[in-house]
Amino acid sequence: SYIGDGNNVAVSLAQASAMVGAHFSIASPPGYRLPEEAMIASDELASASGATLRFVEDPREAVHEADVV
């Protein structure tokens, strides 16, 4: 899980998680989410690997049952 704005680190974590089939959640406030194109690319990678990605606003939701924050 990641909590923060959709910066380059968040994009890299989302895409890396998607590539290896990991389950990844990111909580970002409205207006600070990942760029739309990064979310689409991450979702496409996740579809190929079996990963699950969640883009949410509530930090508690993002870290629920997380192994790493």
C-alpha atoms as a PDB file:
ATOM      1  CA  SER A   1       0.000   0.000   0.000  1.00  0.00           C
ATOM      2  CA  TYR A   2       1.022   3.561  -0.650  1.00  0.00           C
ATOM      3  CA  ILE A   3      -0.425   6.725   0.844  1.00  0.00           C
ATOM      4  CA  GLY A   4       0.313  10.014  -0.866  1.00  0.00           C
ATOM      5  CA  ASP A   5       0.057  11.920  -4.080  1.00  0.00           C
ATOM      6  CA  GLY A   6       0.333  10.240  -7.457  1.00  0.00           C
ATOM      7  CA  ASN A   7       3.955  11.181  -8.087  1.00  0.00           C
ATOM      8  CA  ASN A   8       6.613   9.261  -9.994  1.00  0.00           C
ATOM      9  CA  VAL A   9       7.256   6.966  -7.010  1.00  0.00           C
ATOM     10  CA  ALA A  10       3.575   6.025  -6.808  1.00  0.00           C
ATOM     11  CA  VAL A  11       3.451   5.360 -10.556  1.00  0.00           C
ATOM     12  CA  SER A  12       6.561   3.165 -10.359  1.00  0.00           C
ATOM     13  CA  LEU A  13       5.181   1.191  -7.408  1.00  0.00           C
ATOM     14  CA  ALA A  14       1.833   0.658  -9.133  1.00  0.00           C
ATOM     15  CA  GLN A  15       3.441  -0.497 -12.362  1.00  0.00           C
ATOM     16  CA  ALA A  16       6.029  -2.714 -10.648  1.00  0.00           C
ATOM     17  CA  SER A  17       3.321  -4.322  -8.506  1.00  0.00           C
ATOM     18  CA  ALA A  18       1.212  -4.893 -11.601  1.00  0.00           C
ATOM     19  CA  MET A  19       4.118  -6.494 -13.455  1.00  0.00           C
ATOM     20  CA  VAL A  20       4.845  -9.055 -10.746  1.00  0.00           C
ATOM     21  CA  GLY A  21       1.234  -9.929  -9.926  1.00  0.00           C
ATOM     22  CA  ALA A  22       1.130  -8.230  -6.532  1.00  0.00           C
ATOM     23  CA  HIS A  23      -1.876  -6.693  -4.835  1.00  0.00           C
ATOM     24  CA  PHE A  24      -1.402  -2.933  -4.499  1.00  0.00           C
ATOM     25  CA  SER A  25      -3.531  -0.127  -3.079  1.00  0.00           C
ATOM     26  CA  ILE A  26      -2.845   3.581  -3.228  1.00  0.00           C
ATOM     27  CA  ALA A  27      -4.716   6.263  -1.309  1.00  0.00           C
ATOM     28  CA  SER A  28      -4.515   9.761  -2.722  1.00  0.00           C
ATOM     29  CA  PRO A  29      -6.680  12.806  -2.072  1.00  0.00           C
ATOM     30  CA  PRO A  30      -8.865  14.123  -4.891  1.00  0.00           C
ATOM     31  CA  GLY A  31      -6.793  16.121  -7.345  1.00  0.00           C
ATOM     32  CA  TYR A  32      -3.595  14.248  -6.431  1.00  0.00           C
ATOM     33  CA  ARG A  33      -4.248  10.810  -7.903  1.00  0.00           C
ATOM     34  CA  LEU A  34      -2.045   9.058 -10.422  1.00  0.00           C
ATOM     35  CA  PRO A  35      -2.259  10.499 -13.917  1.00  0.00           C
ATOM     36  CA  GLU A  36      -5.038   8.800 -15.899  1.00  0.00           C
ATOM     37  CA  GLU A  37      -2.604   7.337 -18.433  1.00  0.00           C
ATOM     38  CA  ALA A  38      -0.530   5.788 -15.618  1.00  0.00           C
ATOM     39  CA  MET A  39      -3.639   4.216 -14.093  1.00  0.00           C
ATOM     40  CA  ILE A  40      -4.651   2.751 -17.469  1.00  0.00           C
ATOM     41  CA  ALA A  41      -1.148   1.388 -18.135  1.00  0.00           C
ATOM     42  CA  SER A  42      -1.006  -0.131 -14.644  1.00  0.00           C
ATOM     43  CA  ASP A  43      -4.419  -1.757 -15.093  1.00  0.00           C
ATOM     44  CA  GLU A  44      -3.311  -3.275 -18.406  1.00  0.00           C
ATOM     45  CA  LEU A  45      -0.192  -4.724 -16.770  1.00  0.00           C
ATOM     46  CA  ALA A  46      -2.291  -6.052 -13.891  1.00  0.00           C
ATOM     47  CA  SER A  47      -4.674  -7.795 -16.287  1.00  0.00           C
ATOM     48  CA  ALA A  48      -1.761  -9.675 -17.827  1.00  0.00           C
ATOM     49  CA  SER A  49      -0.196 -10.720 -14.501  1.00  0.00           C
ATOM     50  CA  GLY A  50      -3.237 -11.321 -12.292  1.00  0.00           C
ATOM     51  CA  ALA A  51      -2.391  -8.400 -10.012  1.00  0.00           C
ATOM     52  CA  THR A  52      -5.057  -6.334  -8.310  1.00  0.00           C
ATOM     53  CA  LEU A  53      -4.766  -2.568  -8.086  1.00  0.00           C
ATOM     54  CA  ARG A  54      -6.971  -0.268  -6.021  1.00  0.00           C
ATOM     55  CA  PHE A  55      -6.959   3.496  -6.342  1.00  0.00           C
ATOM     56  CA  VAL A  56      -8.835   4.956  -3.358  1.00  0.00           C
ATOM     57  CA  GLU A  57      -9.071   8.160  -1.321  1.00  0.00           C
ATOM     58  CA  ASP A  58      -9.317   6.727   2.210  1.00  0.00           C
ATOM     59  CA  PRO A  59      -5.907   5.759   3.666  1.00  0.00           C
ATOM     60  CA  ARG A  60      -7.553   3.269   6.045  1.00  0.00           C
ATOM     61  CA  GLU A  61      -9.097   1.481   3.084  1.00  0.00           C
ATOM     62  CA  ALA A  62      -5.747   1.356   1.283  1.00  0.00           C
ATOM     63  CA  VAL A  63      -3.890  -0.246   4.195  1.00  0.00           C
ATOM     64  CA  HIS A  64      -6.617  -2.706   5.182  1.00  0.00           C
ATOM     65  CA  GLU A  65      -5.005  -6.170   5.209  1.00  0.00           C
ATOM     66  CA  ALA A  66      -1.768  -4.784   3.724  1.00  0.00           C
ATOM     67  CA  ASP A  67       1.501  -6.593   4.343  1.00  0.00           C
ATOM     68  CA  VAL A  68       3.647  -3.561   3.486  1.00  0.00           C
ATOM     69  CA  VAL A  69       2.870   0.165   3.791  1.00  0.00           C
END
